[in-house]
């Protein structure tokens, strides 16, 4: 059984310990999408550090239909925040490259620019950038390398989506944020539409090894194998000296 309170309290203490060792007095900088993951990570940081040491950064790419959810979160937590529209930056890079980018390149460009934006804010505010990925997304590679998969500390990368929801409720977040259907913000589809299976199925498989559909199991296993490189350090050549 998942003990949400124990994990939440342990995560809060882990964040405090991280900042004590890796930036005493620094601020946590969190990209706020309006989804549950960034909402929960921001709330954990507030509980760990206090709201005066948490900075939210909202980064729409032009018009963002659910930007009101991101605004609700920063208002609920009472944290300082900035709104940085990344459309000009995204368009500038696309227009400057002298060939047509692949569909995957176009999809992954905004999250990488968002991460560059977070580090710009962080370095100007004595900050450390929070990674907001969870175990379920990481398991199947549902994150952009050097985009939302980057960061200085990762409070929730060993916590599944279903477990995140329990923690979010413990933190007192509005239900509309905790239960919001996850949308990638890139192509307009839900996460589960893109994946081809539900997070409930994935989380059960991760935690118990149980799954009902052999084809779904094969797909999850294949995605996991193919995306393990995203979770590893960059390979480096070590010369004999």
C-alpha atoms as a PDB file:
ATOM      1  CA  UNK A   1       0.000   0.000   0.000  1.00  0.00           C
ATOM      2  CA  UNK A   2       1.209   3.483  -0.857  1.00  0.00           C
ATOM      3  CA  UNK A   3       1.649   5.667   2.209  1.00  0.00           C
ATOM      4  CA  UNK A   4       1.107   9.089   0.670  1.00  0.00           C
ATOM      5  CA  UNK A   5       1.739  11.014   3.875  1.00  0.00           C
ATOM      6  CA  UNK A   6       5.021   9.229   4.567  1.00  0.00           C
ATOM      7  CA  UNK A   7       6.243   9.781   0.998  1.00  0.00           C
ATOM      8  CA  UNK A   8       5.121  13.409   0.983  1.00  0.00           C
ATOM      9  CA  UNK A   9       6.881  14.150   4.264  1.00  0.00           C
ATOM     10  CA  UNK A  10       9.999  12.325   3.095  1.00  0.00           C
ATOM     11  CA  UNK A  11      10.021  14.286  -0.155  1.00  0.00           C
ATOM     12  CA  UNK A  12       9.671  17.602   1.676  1.00  0.00           C
ATOM     13  CA  UNK A  13      12.610  16.712   3.912  1.00  0.00           C
ATOM     14  CA  UNK A  14      14.619  15.600   0.873  1.00  0.00           C
ATOM     15  CA  UNK A  15      14.061  19.009  -0.767  1.00  0.00           C
ATOM     16  CA  UNK A  16      15.207  20.760   2.416  1.00  0.00           C
ATOM     17  CA  UNK A  17      18.310  18.584   2.568  1.00  0.00           C
ATOM     18  CA  UNK A  18      19.081  19.216  -1.104  1.00  0.00           C
ATOM     19  CA  UNK A  19      18.987  22.965  -0.656  1.00  0.00           C
ATOM     20  CA  UNK A  20      20.994  22.775   2.561  1.00  0.00           C
ATOM     21  CA  UNK A  21      23.740  20.931   0.694  1.00  0.00           C
ATOM     22  CA  UNK A  22      23.429  22.427  -2.786  1.00  0.00           C
ATOM     23  CA  UNK A  23      22.343  26.008  -2.351  1.00  0.00           C
ATOM     24  CA  UNK A  24      21.639  27.125   1.171  1.00  0.00           C
ATOM     25  CA  UNK A  25      19.260  30.059   0.988  1.00  0.00           C
ATOM     26  CA  UNK A  26      18.636  29.581  -2.748  1.00  0.00           C
ATOM     27  CA  UNK A  27      15.223  29.685  -4.376  1.00  0.00           C
ATOM     28  CA  UNK A  28      13.368  26.862  -6.100  1.00  0.00           C
ATOM     29  CA  UNK A  29      12.419  27.805  -9.669  1.00  0.00           C
ATOM     30  CA  UNK A  30       9.509  25.804 -11.096  1.00  0.00           C
ATOM     31  CA  UNK A  31       8.050  25.890 -14.580  1.00  0.00           C
ATOM     32  CA  UNK A  32       4.284  26.070 -14.073  1.00  0.00           C
ATOM     33  CA  UNK A  33       2.265  24.431 -16.839  1.00  0.00           C
ATOM     34  CA  UNK A  34      -1.100  24.237 -15.117  1.00  0.00           C
ATOM     35  CA  UNK A  35      -0.881  20.454 -14.863  1.00  0.00           C
ATOM     36  CA  UNK A  36      -0.705  18.320 -11.743  1.00  0.00           C
ATOM     37  CA  UNK A  37       3.029  17.574 -11.824  1.00  0.00           C
ATOM     38  CA  UNK A  38       4.288  21.151 -11.798  1.00  0.00           C
ATOM     39  CA  UNK A  39       1.536  22.064  -9.322  1.00  0.00           C
ATOM     40  CA  UNK A  40       2.557  19.288  -6.916  1.00  0.00           C
ATOM     41  CA  UNK A  41       6.289  19.987  -7.233  1.00  0.00           C
ATOM     42  CA  UNK A  42       5.690  23.685  -6.571  1.00  0.00           C
ATOM     43  CA  UNK A  43       3.516  22.858  -3.546  1.00  0.00           C
ATOM     44  CA  UNK A  44       6.173  20.482  -2.180  1.00  0.00           C
ATOM     45  CA  UNK A  45       8.792  23.214  -2.545  1.00  0.00           C
ATOM     46  CA  UNK A  46       6.561  25.688  -0.727  1.00  0.00           C
ATOM     47  CA  UNK A  47       6.100  23.269   2.162  1.00  0.00           C
ATOM     48  CA  UNK A  48       9.831  22.569   2.246  1.00  0.00           C
ATOM     49  CA  UNK A  49      11.207  26.079   1.806  1.00  0.00           C
ATOM     50  CA  UNK A  50       8.367  28.534   2.360  1.00  0.00           C
ATOM     51  CA  UNK A  51       6.498  30.449  -0.329  1.00  0.00           C
ATOM     52  CA  UNK A  52       9.025  33.291  -0.359  1.00  0.00           C
ATOM     53  CA  UNK A  53      11.684  30.930  -1.730  1.00  0.00           C
ATOM     54  CA  UNK A  54       9.655  29.465  -4.596  1.00  0.00           C
ATOM     55  CA  UNK A  55       9.380  31.189  -7.991  1.00  0.00           C
ATOM     56  CA  UNK A  56       6.936  30.021 -10.635  1.00  0.00           C
ATOM     57  CA  UNK A  57       7.533  30.637 -14.331  1.00  0.00           C
ATOM     58  CA  UNK A  58       4.587  30.429 -16.724  1.00  0.00           C
ATOM     59  CA  UNK A  59       5.749  29.934 -20.319  1.00  0.00           C
ATOM     60  CA  UNK A  60       2.948  29.940 -22.892  1.00  0.00           C
ATOM     61  CA  UNK A  61       3.894  29.448 -26.530  1.00  0.00           C
ATOM     62  CA  UNK A  62       1.591  32.110 -27.943  1.00  0.00           C
ATOM     63  CA  UNK A  63      -1.929  31.353 -26.730  1.00  0.00           C
ATOM     64  CA  UNK A  64      -2.262  28.668 -24.036  1.00  0.00           C
ATOM     65  CA  UNK A  65      -5.845  27.552 -23.559  1.00  0.00           C
ATOM     66  CA  UNK A  66      -5.308  26.361 -19.974  1.00  0.00           C
ATOM     67  CA  UNK A  67      -3.090  29.210 -18.763  1.00  0.00           C
ATOM     68  CA  UNK A  68      -5.798  29.964 -16.206  1.00  0.00           C
ATOM     69  CA  UNK A  69      -4.882  26.720 -14.426  1.00  0.00           C
ATOM     70  CA  UNK A  70      -1.266  27.864 -14.088  1.00  0.00           C
ATOM     71  CA  UNK A  71      -2.442  31.217 -12.736  1.00  0.00           C
ATOM     72  CA  UNK A  72      -4.760  29.448 -10.295  1.00  0.00           C
ATOM     73  CA  UNK A  73      -1.815  27.462  -8.942  1.00  0.00           C
ATOM     74  CA  UNK A  74       0.515  30.412  -8.316  1.00  0.00           C
ATOM     75  CA  UNK A  75      -2.327  32.369  -6.719  1.00  0.00           C
ATOM     76  CA  UNK A  76      -3.298  29.384  -4.548  1.00  0.00           C
ATOM     77  CA  UNK A  77       0.283  28.983  -3.312  1.00  0.00           C
ATOM     78  CA  UNK A  78       0.912  32.718  -3.078  1.00  0.00           C
ATOM     79  CA  UNK A  79       4.271  32.472  -4.828  1.00  0.00           C
ATOM     80  CA  UNK A  80       6.125  35.044  -6.880  1.00  0.00           C
ATOM     81  CA  UNK A  81       5.830  34.310 -10.570  1.00  0.00           C
ATOM     82  CA  UNK A  82       6.726  35.510 -14.034  1.00  0.00           C
ATOM     83  CA  UNK A  83       4.961  35.031 -17.362  1.00  0.00           C
ATOM     84  CA  UNK A  84       7.396  34.579 -20.248  1.00  0.00           C
ATOM     85  CA  UNK A  85       5.824  33.994 -23.648  1.00  0.00           C
ATOM     86  CA  UNK A  86       8.284  31.871 -25.626  1.00  0.00           C
ATOM     87  CA  UNK A  87       6.605  32.200 -29.049  1.00  0.00           C
ATOM     88  CA  UNK A  88       9.077  34.741 -30.450  1.00  0.00           C
ATOM     89  CA  UNK A  89      12.013  32.592 -29.328  1.00  0.00           C
ATOM     90  CA  UNK A  90      10.522  29.433 -30.830  1.00  0.00           C
ATOM     91  CA  UNK A  91       9.680  31.165 -34.093  1.00  0.00           C
ATOM     92  CA  UNK A  92      13.087  32.830 -34.173  1.00  0.00           C
ATOM     93  CA  UNK A  93      14.928  29.521 -33.975  1.00  0.00           C
ATOM     94  CA  UNK A  94      12.663  27.851 -36.537  1.00  0.00           C
ATOM     95  CA  UNK A  95      12.999  30.765 -38.953  1.00  0.00           C
ATOM     96  CA  UNK A  96      16.776  30.932 -38.543  1.00  0.00           C
ATOM     97  CA  UNK A  97      17.377  27.269 -39.393  1.00  0.00           C
ATOM     98  CA  UNK A  98      17.856  27.005 -43.182  1.00  0.00           C
ATOM     99  CA  UNK A  99      15.839  23.814 -43.687  1.00  0.00           C
ATOM    100  CA  UNK A 100      12.491  22.378 -42.667  1.00  0.00           C
ATOM    101  CA  UNK A 101      12.643  20.840 -39.219  1.00  0.00           C
ATOM    102  CA  UNK A 102      11.318  17.347 -38.618  1.00  0.00           C
ATOM    103  CA  UNK A 103       8.015  16.985 -36.800  1.00  0.00           C
ATOM    104  CA  UNK A 104       9.822  15.675 -33.717  1.00  0.00           C
ATOM    105  CA  UNK A 105      12.222  18.632 -33.753  1.00  0.00           C
ATOM    106  CA  UNK A 106       9.324  21.087 -33.914  1.00  0.00           C
ATOM    107  CA  UNK A 107       7.571  19.249 -31.060  1.00  0.00           C
ATOM    108  CA  UNK A 108      10.631  19.231 -28.801  1.00  0.00           C
ATOM    109  CA  UNK A 109      11.852  22.765 -29.476  1.00  0.00           C
ATOM    110  CA  UNK A 110       9.403  24.581 -27.122  1.00  0.00           C
ATOM    111  CA  UNK A 111      10.236  22.471 -24.022  1.00  0.00           C
ATOM    112  CA  UNK A 112      13.943  23.008 -24.638  1.00  0.00           C
ATOM    113  CA  UNK A 113      13.419  26.754 -24.918  1.00  0.00           C
ATOM    114  CA  UNK A 114      11.324  26.624 -21.763  1.00  0.00           C
ATOM    115  CA  UNK A 115      14.199  24.953 -19.917  1.00  0.00           C
ATOM    116  CA  UNK A 116      16.629  27.616 -21.185  1.00  0.00           C
ATOM    117  CA  UNK A 117      14.157  30.206 -19.889  1.00  0.00           C
ATOM    118  CA  UNK A 118      13.980  28.538 -16.469  1.00  0.00           C
ATOM    119  CA  UNK A 119      17.762  28.595 -16.168  1.00  0.00           C
ATOM    120  CA  UNK A 120      17.855  32.256 -17.196  1.00  0.00           C
ATOM    121  CA  UNK A 121      15.377  33.063 -14.418  1.00  0.00           C
ATOM    122  CA  UNK A 122      17.172  30.783 -11.968  1.00  0.00           C
ATOM    123  CA  UNK A 123      20.637  32.241 -12.502  1.00  0.00           C
ATOM    124  CA  UNK A 124      19.239  35.736 -12.058  1.00  0.00           C
ATOM    125  CA  UNK A 125      17.411  34.840  -8.825  1.00  0.00           C
ATOM    126  CA  UNK A 126      19.909  32.665  -6.951  1.00  0.00           C
ATOM    127  CA  UNK A 127      17.874  29.639  -7.895  1.00  0.00           C
ATOM    128  CA  UNK A 128      17.845  25.925  -8.485  1.00  0.00           C
ATOM    129  CA  UNK A 129      15.588  24.552 -11.247  1.00  0.00           C
ATOM    130  CA  UNK A 130      13.066  21.878 -10.281  1.00  0.00           C
ATOM    131  CA  UNK A 131      12.511  18.922 -12.557  1.00  0.00           C
ATOM    132  CA  UNK A 132       8.788  18.112 -12.570  1.00  0.00           C
ATOM    133  CA  UNK A 133       8.791  14.648 -14.197  1.00  0.00           C
ATOM    134  CA  UNK A 134       7.199  11.643 -12.526  1.00  0.00           C
ATOM    135  CA  UNK A 135       8.130   7.948 -12.671  1.00  0.00           C
ATOM    136  CA  UNK A 136       5.350   7.014 -15.093  1.00  0.00           C
ATOM    137  CA  UNK A 137       6.462   9.545 -17.707  1.00  0.00           C
ATOM    138  CA  UNK A 138      10.117   8.716 -17.252  1.00  0.00           C
ATOM    139  CA  UNK A 139       9.408   4.977 -17.545  1.00  0.00           C
ATOM    140  CA  UNK A 140       8.215   5.321 -21.137  1.00  0.00           C
ATOM    141  CA  UNK A 141      10.353   8.314 -22.094  1.00  0.00           C
ATOM    142  CA  UNK A 142       7.462  10.782 -22.124  1.00  0.00           C
ATOM    143  CA  UNK A 143       9.691  13.793 -21.623  1.00  0.00           C
ATOM    144  CA  UNK A 144      11.970  15.909 -23.803  1.00  0.00           C
ATOM    145  CA  UNK A 145      15.667  15.345 -23.219  1.00  0.00           C
ATOM    146  CA  UNK A 146      17.269  18.656 -22.182  1.00  0.00           C
ATOM    147  CA  UNK A 147      13.749  20.053 -22.018  1.00  0.00           C
ATOM    148  CA  UNK A 148      11.327  19.134 -19.238  1.00  0.00           C
ATOM    149  CA  UNK A 149      13.568  16.151 -18.440  1.00  0.00           C
ATOM    150  CA  UNK A 150      16.311  18.523 -17.219  1.00  0.00           C
ATOM    151  CA  UNK A 151      16.699  20.334 -13.894  1.00  0.00           C
ATOM    152  CA  UNK A 152      18.859  20.612 -10.791  1.00  0.00           C
ATOM    153  CA  UNK A 153      16.744  18.455  -8.481  1.00  0.00           C
ATOM    154  CA  UNK A 154      13.904  16.008  -9.083  1.00  0.00           C
ATOM    155  CA  UNK A 155      11.472  15.486  -6.195  1.00  0.00           C
ATOM    156  CA  UNK A 156       8.997  13.180  -7.958  1.00  0.00           C
ATOM    157  CA  UNK A 157      10.892  11.071 -10.491  1.00  0.00           C
ATOM    158  CA  UNK A 158      10.275   7.925  -8.393  1.00  0.00           C
ATOM    159  CA  UNK A 159       6.555   8.592  -7.870  1.00  0.00           C
ATOM    160  CA  UNK A 160       3.852   7.354 -10.274  1.00  0.00           C
ATOM    161  CA  UNK A 161       0.968   9.417 -11.618  1.00  0.00           C
ATOM    162  CA  UNK A 162      -1.604   7.772  -9.320  1.00  0.00           C
ATOM    163  CA  UNK A 163       0.673   8.345  -6.325  1.00  0.00           C
ATOM    164  CA  UNK A 164       1.222  11.958  -7.371  1.00  0.00           C
ATOM    165  CA  UNK A 165      -2.526  12.525  -7.238  1.00  0.00           C
ATOM    166  CA  UNK A 166      -2.683  11.245  -3.660  1.00  0.00           C
ATOM    167  CA  UNK A 167       0.147  13.554  -2.654  1.00  0.00           C
ATOM    168  CA  UNK A 168      -1.512  16.486  -4.408  1.00  0.00           C
ATOM    169  CA  UNK A 169      -4.653  16.000  -2.353  1.00  0.00           C
ATOM    170  CA  UNK A 170      -2.623  15.796   0.857  1.00  0.00           C
ATOM    171  CA  UNK A 171      -1.004  19.098  -0.073  1.00  0.00           C
ATOM    172  CA  UNK A 172      -4.446  20.702  -0.292  1.00  0.00           C
ATOM    173  CA  UNK A 173      -4.269  21.558  -3.978  1.00  0.00           C
ATOM    174  CA  UNK A 174      -7.559  22.313  -5.752  1.00  0.00           C
ATOM    175  CA  UNK A 175      -9.135  19.178  -7.243  1.00  0.00           C
ATOM    176  CA  UNK A 176      -9.222  20.828 -10.670  1.00  0.00           C
ATOM    177  CA  UNK A 177      -5.415  20.816 -10.690  1.00  0.00           C
ATOM    178  CA  UNK A 178      -4.898  17.347  -9.230  1.00  0.00           C
ATOM    179  CA  UNK A 179      -7.454  15.656 -11.496  1.00  0.00           C
ATOM    180  CA  UNK A 180      -6.788  17.710 -14.638  1.00  0.00           C
ATOM    181  CA  UNK A 181      -6.500  15.479 -17.709  1.00  0.00           C
ATOM    182  CA  UNK A 182      -2.825  15.650 -18.672  1.00  0.00           C
ATOM    183  CA  UNK A 183      -2.231  17.297 -22.049  1.00  0.00           C
ATOM    184  CA  UNK A 184       1.301  17.527 -23.413  1.00  0.00           C
ATOM    185  CA  UNK A 185       0.905  21.167 -24.450  1.00  0.00           C
ATOM    186  CA  UNK A 186       2.739  20.400 -27.686  1.00  0.00           C
ATOM    187  CA  UNK A 187       0.346  18.716 -30.109  1.00  0.00           C
ATOM    188  CA  UNK A 188      -2.959  19.271 -28.273  1.00  0.00           C
ATOM    189  CA  UNK A 189      -3.615  15.598 -27.485  1.00  0.00           C
ATOM    190  CA  UNK A 190      -3.858  14.086 -24.041  1.00  0.00           C
ATOM    191  CA  UNK A 191      -0.877  12.132 -22.729  1.00  0.00           C
ATOM    192  CA  UNK A 192      -2.904   8.934 -22.778  1.00  0.00           C
ATOM    193  CA  UNK A 193      -4.002   9.509 -26.391  1.00  0.00           C
ATOM    194  CA  UNK A 194      -0.356   9.824 -27.386  1.00  0.00           C
ATOM    195  CA  UNK A 195       0.778   6.843 -25.333  1.00  0.00           C
ATOM    196  CA  UNK A 196      -2.022   4.511 -26.380  1.00  0.00           C
ATOM    197  CA  UNK A 197      -2.703   3.331 -22.817  1.00  0.00           C
ATOM    198  CA  UNK A 198      -3.807   4.866 -19.547  1.00  0.00           C
ATOM    199  CA  UNK A 199      -1.564   5.929 -16.686  1.00  0.00           C
ATOM    200  CA  UNK A 200      -3.581   3.647 -14.414  1.00  0.00           C
ATOM    201  CA  UNK A 201      -2.564   0.645 -16.539  1.00  0.00           C
ATOM    202  CA  UNK A 202       1.047   1.830 -16.705  1.00  0.00           C
ATOM    203  CA  UNK A 203       1.294   2.541 -12.970  1.00  0.00           C
ATOM    204  CA  UNK A 204      -0.133  -0.867 -12.062  1.00  0.00           C
ATOM    205  CA  UNK A 205       2.430  -2.525 -14.342  1.00  0.00           C
ATOM    206  CA  UNK A 206       5.312  -0.491 -12.898  1.00  0.00           C
ATOM    207  CA  UNK A 207       4.431  -1.252  -9.283  1.00  0.00           C
ATOM    208  CA  UNK A 208       3.159  -4.838  -9.535  1.00  0.00           C
ATOM    209  CA  UNK A 209       4.315  -6.223 -12.877  1.00  0.00           C
ATOM    210  CA  UNK A 210       0.668  -7.034 -13.624  1.00  0.00           C
ATOM    211  CA  UNK A 211      -0.964  -6.124 -16.930  1.00  0.00           C
ATOM    212  CA  UNK A 212      -3.950  -7.611 -18.754  1.00  0.00           C
ATOM    213  CA  UNK A 213      -3.166  -6.914 -22.404  1.00  0.00           C
ATOM    214  CA  UNK A 214      -0.027  -8.555 -23.854  1.00  0.00           C
ATOM    215  CA  UNK A 215       0.175  -6.012 -26.688  1.00  0.00           C
ATOM    216  CA  UNK A 216       0.150  -3.119 -24.223  1.00  0.00           C
ATOM    217  CA  UNK A 217       2.834  -4.850 -22.169  1.00  0.00           C
ATOM    218  CA  UNK A 218       4.999  -5.265 -25.251  1.00  0.00           C
ATOM    219  CA  UNK A 219       4.528  -1.595 -26.163  1.00  0.00           C
ATOM    220  CA  UNK A 220       5.406  -0.379 -22.658  1.00  0.00           C
ATOM    221  CA  UNK A 221       8.470  -2.628 -22.500  1.00  0.00           C
ATOM    222  CA  UNK A 222       9.638  -1.410 -25.908  1.00  0.00           C
ATOM    223  CA  UNK A 223       9.189   2.257 -24.979  1.00  0.00           C
ATOM    224  CA  UNK A 224      11.020   1.684 -21.704  1.00  0.00           C
ATOM    225  CA  UNK A 225      13.994   0.029 -23.420  1.00  0.00           C
ATOM    226  CA  UNK A 226      14.182   2.634 -26.168  1.00  0.00           C
ATOM    227  CA  UNK A 227      14.123   5.572 -23.769  1.00  0.00           C
ATOM    228  CA  UNK A 228      16.462   4.390 -21.005  1.00  0.00           C
ATOM    229  CA  UNK A 229      19.191   6.619 -22.453  1.00  0.00           C
ATOM    230  CA  UNK A 230      17.247   9.683 -21.326  1.00  0.00           C
ATOM    231  CA  UNK A 231      17.752   8.675 -17.688  1.00  0.00           C
ATOM    232  CA  UNK A 232      21.486   8.107 -17.936  1.00  0.00           C
ATOM    233  CA  UNK A 233      24.392  10.486 -17.730  1.00  0.00           C
ATOM    234  CA  UNK A 234      25.892  11.580 -21.027  1.00  0.00           C
ATOM    235  CA  UNK A 235      28.466   9.000 -22.153  1.00  0.00           C
ATOM    236  CA  UNK A 236      31.989  10.369 -22.052  1.00  0.00           C
ATOM    237  CA  UNK A 237      35.350   9.097 -23.254  1.00  0.00           C
ATOM    238  CA  UNK A 238      37.896   8.625 -20.492  1.00  0.00           C
ATOM    239  CA  UNK A 239      41.442   8.468 -21.886  1.00  0.00           C
ATOM    240  CA  UNK A 240      44.078   6.417 -20.141  1.00  0.00           C
ATOM    241  CA  UNK A 241      46.541   8.851 -18.567  1.00  0.00           C
END
